[in-house]
Amino acid sequence: MKKAKKVKNRPWFVSVRKSYLPSSWQGRLIYALYVAYTIAVPITWYKEGHDFFRLLTTVIPLLAAAALLTQFVASKNSK
């Protein structure tokens, strides 16, 4: 009989001073998606012709929600 291999459940993020840094490919992927979203949303918003005030009232809450979601996922998948 073959022995079943143990699969290490490596954490996606490492906690560093109340923040999280990616430590696996899954963590780097989540972090890259977050950064791409953070850059793409304001650029798209400006290209559509919206003004700065609407940026503050609409886009900033979207970016805050994305940051909170990323922090939540990181906290659940860290050591």
N, C-alpha and C. Protein backbone atom coordinates (compact mmCIF):
# COMPACT_ATOMS: atom_id res chain seq x y z
N MET A 1 0.83 -1.19 0.00
CA MET A 1 0.00 0.00 0.00
C MET A 1 0.87 1.25 0.00
N LYS A 2 0.42 2.23 -0.77
CA LYS A 2 1.14 3.50 -0.80
C LYS A 2 0.67 4.38 0.35
N LYS A 3 1.63 5.13 0.87
CA LYS A 3 1.29 6.09 1.91
C LYS A 3 0.73 7.35 1.27
N ALA A 4 -0.28 7.88 1.85
CA ALA A 4 -0.84 9.14 1.35
C ALA A 4 0.11 10.28 1.72
N LYS A 5 0.37 11.14 0.74
CA LYS A 5 1.25 12.27 1.00
C LYS A 5 0.49 13.35 1.76
N LYS A 6 1.18 13.92 2.72
CA LYS A 6 0.59 15.03 3.46
C LYS A 6 0.75 16.28 2.63
N VAL A 7 -0.32 16.99 2.51
CA VAL A 7 -0.30 18.26 1.80
C VAL A 7 -0.19 19.38 2.83
N LYS A 8 0.88 20.15 2.71
CA LYS A 8 1.04 21.27 3.63
C LYS A 8 0.08 22.38 3.25
N ASN A 9 -0.58 22.88 4.24
CA ASN A 9 -1.50 23.99 4.02
C ASN A 9 -0.73 25.28 4.29
N ARG A 10 0.03 25.71 3.29
CA ARG A 10 0.87 26.89 3.43
C ARG A 10 0.00 28.14 3.44
N PRO A 11 0.27 29.07 4.36
CA PRO A 11 -0.53 30.29 4.41
C PRO A 11 -0.29 31.17 3.18
N TRP A 12 -1.32 31.86 2.76
CA TRP A 12 -1.22 32.73 1.59
C TRP A 12 -0.54 34.03 1.93
N PHE A 13 -0.71 34.49 3.18
CA PHE A 13 -0.17 35.77 3.62
C PHE A 13 0.58 35.60 4.93
N VAL A 14 1.50 36.53 5.20
CA VAL A 14 2.23 36.56 6.46
C VAL A 14 1.90 37.88 7.14
N SER A 15 1.57 37.82 8.41
CA SER A 15 1.23 39.02 9.15
C SER A 15 2.51 39.77 9.52
N VAL A 16 2.57 41.06 9.13
CA VAL A 16 3.72 41.90 9.42
C VAL A 16 3.21 43.25 9.90
N ARG A 17 3.39 43.55 11.18
CA ARG A 17 3.01 44.84 11.76
C ARG A 17 1.60 45.29 11.39
N LYS A 18 0.62 44.52 11.70
CA LYS A 18 -0.81 44.80 11.46
C LYS A 18 -1.16 44.91 9.98
N SER A 19 -0.34 44.33 9.14
CA SER A 19 -0.60 44.28 7.71
C SER A 19 -0.28 42.87 7.24
N TYR A 20 -0.53 42.60 5.99
CA TYR A 20 -0.29 41.27 5.44
C TYR A 20 0.49 41.37 4.15
N LEU A 21 1.50 40.51 4.04
CA LEU A 21 2.29 40.42 2.82
C LEU A 21 2.07 39.05 2.20
N PRO A 22 1.95 38.98 0.87
CA PRO A 22 1.73 37.68 0.23
C PRO A 22 2.95 36.77 0.38
N SER A 23 2.69 35.50 0.65
CA SER A 23 3.79 34.54 0.81
C SER A 23 3.64 33.33 -0.10
N SER A 24 2.62 33.29 -0.92
CA SER A 24 2.43 32.19 -1.87
C SER A 24 1.87 32.76 -3.16
N TRP A 25 1.73 31.92 -4.15
CA TRP A 25 1.23 32.41 -5.44
C TRP A 25 -0.22 32.87 -5.33
N GLN A 26 -1.00 32.24 -4.45
CA GLN A 26 -2.39 32.66 -4.27
C GLN A 26 -2.45 34.07 -3.67
N GLY A 27 -1.61 34.33 -2.70
CA GLY A 27 -1.56 35.64 -2.09
C GLY A 27 -1.09 36.70 -3.06
N ARG A 28 -0.07 36.37 -3.85
CA ARG A 28 0.42 37.32 -4.86
C ARG A 28 -0.64 37.60 -5.91
N LEU A 29 -1.43 36.60 -6.28
CA LEU A 29 -2.50 36.80 -7.25
C LEU A 29 -3.58 37.72 -6.70
N ILE A 30 -3.99 37.51 -5.47
CA ILE A 30 -4.99 38.37 -4.85
C ILE A 30 -4.47 39.80 -4.74
N TYR A 31 -3.22 39.93 -4.32
CA TYR A 31 -2.62 41.25 -4.19
C TYR A 31 -2.51 41.95 -5.54
N ALA A 32 -2.13 41.22 -6.60
CA ALA A 32 -2.03 41.80 -7.94
C ALA A 32 -3.40 42.25 -8.45
N LEU A 33 -4.42 41.46 -8.20
CA LEU A 33 -5.78 41.85 -8.61
C LEU A 33 -6.23 43.11 -7.87
N TYR A 34 -5.90 43.19 -6.60
CA TYR A 34 -6.26 44.38 -5.82
C TYR A 34 -5.56 45.63 -6.36
N VAL A 35 -4.26 45.51 -6.65
CA VAL A 35 -3.51 46.65 -7.18
C VAL A 35 -4.04 47.05 -8.56
N ALA A 36 -4.32 46.08 -9.41
CA ALA A 36 -4.86 46.38 -10.74
C ALA A 36 -6.21 47.08 -10.63
N TYR A 37 -7.06 46.64 -9.73
CA TYR A 37 -8.37 47.26 -9.51
C TYR A 37 -8.20 48.69 -9.01
N THR A 38 -7.27 48.88 -8.07
CA THR A 38 -7.02 50.19 -7.50
C THR A 38 -6.53 51.19 -8.55
N ILE A 39 -5.79 50.72 -9.52
CA ILE A 39 -5.29 51.59 -10.58
C ILE A 39 -6.33 51.79 -11.68
N ALA A 40 -7.02 50.74 -12.05
CA ALA A 40 -7.93 50.79 -13.19
C ALA A 40 -9.20 51.60 -12.93
N VAL A 41 -9.74 51.52 -11.73
CA VAL A 41 -11.01 52.19 -11.45
C VAL A 41 -10.91 53.72 -11.60
N PRO A 42 -9.95 54.40 -10.97
CA PRO A 42 -9.89 55.86 -11.17
C PRO A 42 -9.57 56.26 -12.61
N ILE A 43 -8.71 55.50 -13.29
CA ILE A 43 -8.39 55.82 -14.68
C ILE A 43 -9.63 55.70 -15.55
N THR A 44 -10.37 54.64 -15.39
CA THR A 44 -11.61 54.46 -16.15
C THR A 44 -12.62 55.55 -15.81
N TRP A 45 -12.69 55.92 -14.55
CA TRP A 45 -13.62 56.95 -14.11
C TRP A 45 -13.32 58.29 -14.79
N TYR A 46 -12.04 58.65 -14.85
CA TYR A 46 -11.66 59.91 -15.51
C TYR A 46 -11.89 59.86 -17.01
N LYS A 47 -11.62 58.72 -17.63
CA LYS A 47 -11.80 58.60 -19.08
C LYS A 47 -13.26 58.72 -19.49
N GLU A 48 -14.16 58.37 -18.60
CA GLU A 48 -15.59 58.50 -18.89
C GLU A 48 -16.10 59.92 -18.68
N GLY A 49 -15.23 60.82 -18.23
CA GLY A 49 -15.59 62.22 -18.13
C GLY A 49 -16.20 62.65 -16.81
N HIS A 50 -16.04 61.89 -15.77
CA HIS A 50 -16.59 62.28 -14.48
C HIS A 50 -15.66 63.29 -13.80
N ASP A 51 -16.20 64.10 -12.91
CA ASP A 51 -15.40 65.12 -12.26
C ASP A 51 -14.79 64.59 -10.96
N PHE A 52 -13.95 65.45 -10.34
CA PHE A 52 -13.20 65.05 -9.16
C PHE A 52 -14.11 64.81 -7.96
N PHE A 53 -15.15 65.62 -7.77
CA PHE A 53 -16.05 65.45 -6.63
C PHE A 53 -16.74 64.09 -6.68
N ARG A 54 -17.18 63.69 -7.86
CA ARG A 54 -17.83 62.38 -7.99
C ARG A 54 -16.82 61.26 -7.77
N LEU A 55 -15.56 61.52 -8.08
CA LEU A 55 -14.52 60.54 -7.77
C LEU A 55 -14.44 60.31 -6.27
N LEU A 56 -14.47 61.40 -5.51
CA LEU A 56 -14.38 61.27 -4.05
C LEU A 56 -15.60 60.57 -3.46
N THR A 57 -16.76 60.82 -4.01
CA THR A 57 -17.98 60.26 -3.42
C THR A 57 -18.33 58.87 -3.91
N THR A 58 -17.76 58.45 -5.03
CA THR A 58 -18.13 57.15 -5.58
C THR A 58 -16.96 56.17 -5.60
N VAL A 59 -15.83 56.59 -6.12
CA VAL A 59 -14.71 55.68 -6.31
C VAL A 59 -13.99 55.37 -5.00
N ILE A 60 -13.81 56.37 -4.15
CA ILE A 60 -13.11 56.14 -2.88
C ILE A 60 -13.82 55.09 -2.02
N PRO A 61 -15.14 55.11 -1.89
CA PRO A 61 -15.80 54.02 -1.16
C PRO A 61 -15.60 52.64 -1.82
N LEU A 62 -15.57 52.60 -3.15
CA LEU A 62 -15.32 51.33 -3.83
C LEU A 62 -13.92 50.81 -3.51
N LEU A 63 -12.94 51.70 -3.51
CA LEU A 63 -11.57 51.29 -3.20
C LEU A 63 -11.42 50.89 -1.74
N ALA A 64 -12.15 51.56 -0.86
CA ALA A 64 -12.12 51.18 0.56
C ALA A 64 -12.73 49.80 0.76
N ALA A 65 -13.81 49.51 0.06
CA ALA A 65 -14.41 48.19 0.15
C ALA A 65 -13.47 47.11 -0.37
N ALA A 66 -12.76 47.40 -1.45
CA ALA A 66 -11.79 46.44 -2.00
C ALA A 66 -10.65 46.21 -1.01
N ALA A 67 -10.20 47.27 -0.34
CA ALA A 67 -9.13 47.13 0.65
C ALA A 67 -9.60 46.29 1.84
N LEU A 68 -10.82 46.53 2.29
CA LEU A 68 -11.35 45.75 3.42
C LEU A 68 -11.52 44.28 3.04
N LEU A 69 -11.99 44.02 1.83
CA LEU A 69 -12.14 42.65 1.37
C LEU A 69 -10.79 41.94 1.28
N THR A 70 -9.80 42.65 0.77
CA THR A 70 -8.45 42.06 0.66
C THR A 70 -7.89 41.78 2.05
N GLN A 71 -8.07 42.70 2.99
CA GLN A 71 -7.60 42.48 4.35
C GLN A 71 -8.32 41.32 5.02
N PHE A 72 -9.61 41.17 4.76
CA PHE A 72 -10.37 40.06 5.33
C PHE A 72 -9.86 38.72 4.81
N VAL A 73 -9.66 38.63 3.51
CA VAL A 73 -9.14 37.39 2.92
C VAL A 73 -7.76 37.10 3.46
N ALA A 74 -6.93 38.13 3.55
CA ALA A 74 -5.57 37.94 4.08
C ALA A 74 -5.58 37.48 5.53
N SER A 75 -6.47 38.03 6.33
CA SER A 75 -6.52 37.63 7.75
C SER A 75 -6.97 36.19 7.92
N LYS A 76 -7.85 35.73 7.03
CA LYS A 76 -8.33 34.35 7.14
C LYS A 76 -7.34 33.34 6.57
N ASN A 77 -6.42 33.78 5.73
CA ASN A 77 -5.46 32.87 5.10
C ASN A 77 -4.03 33.20 5.47
N SER A 78 -3.80 33.61 6.70
CA SER A 78 -2.44 33.92 7.14
C SER A 78 -2.11 33.10 8.38
N LYS A 79 -0.83 33.12 8.72
CA LYS A 79 -0.45 32.40 9.93
C LYS A 79 -0.23 33.35 11.06
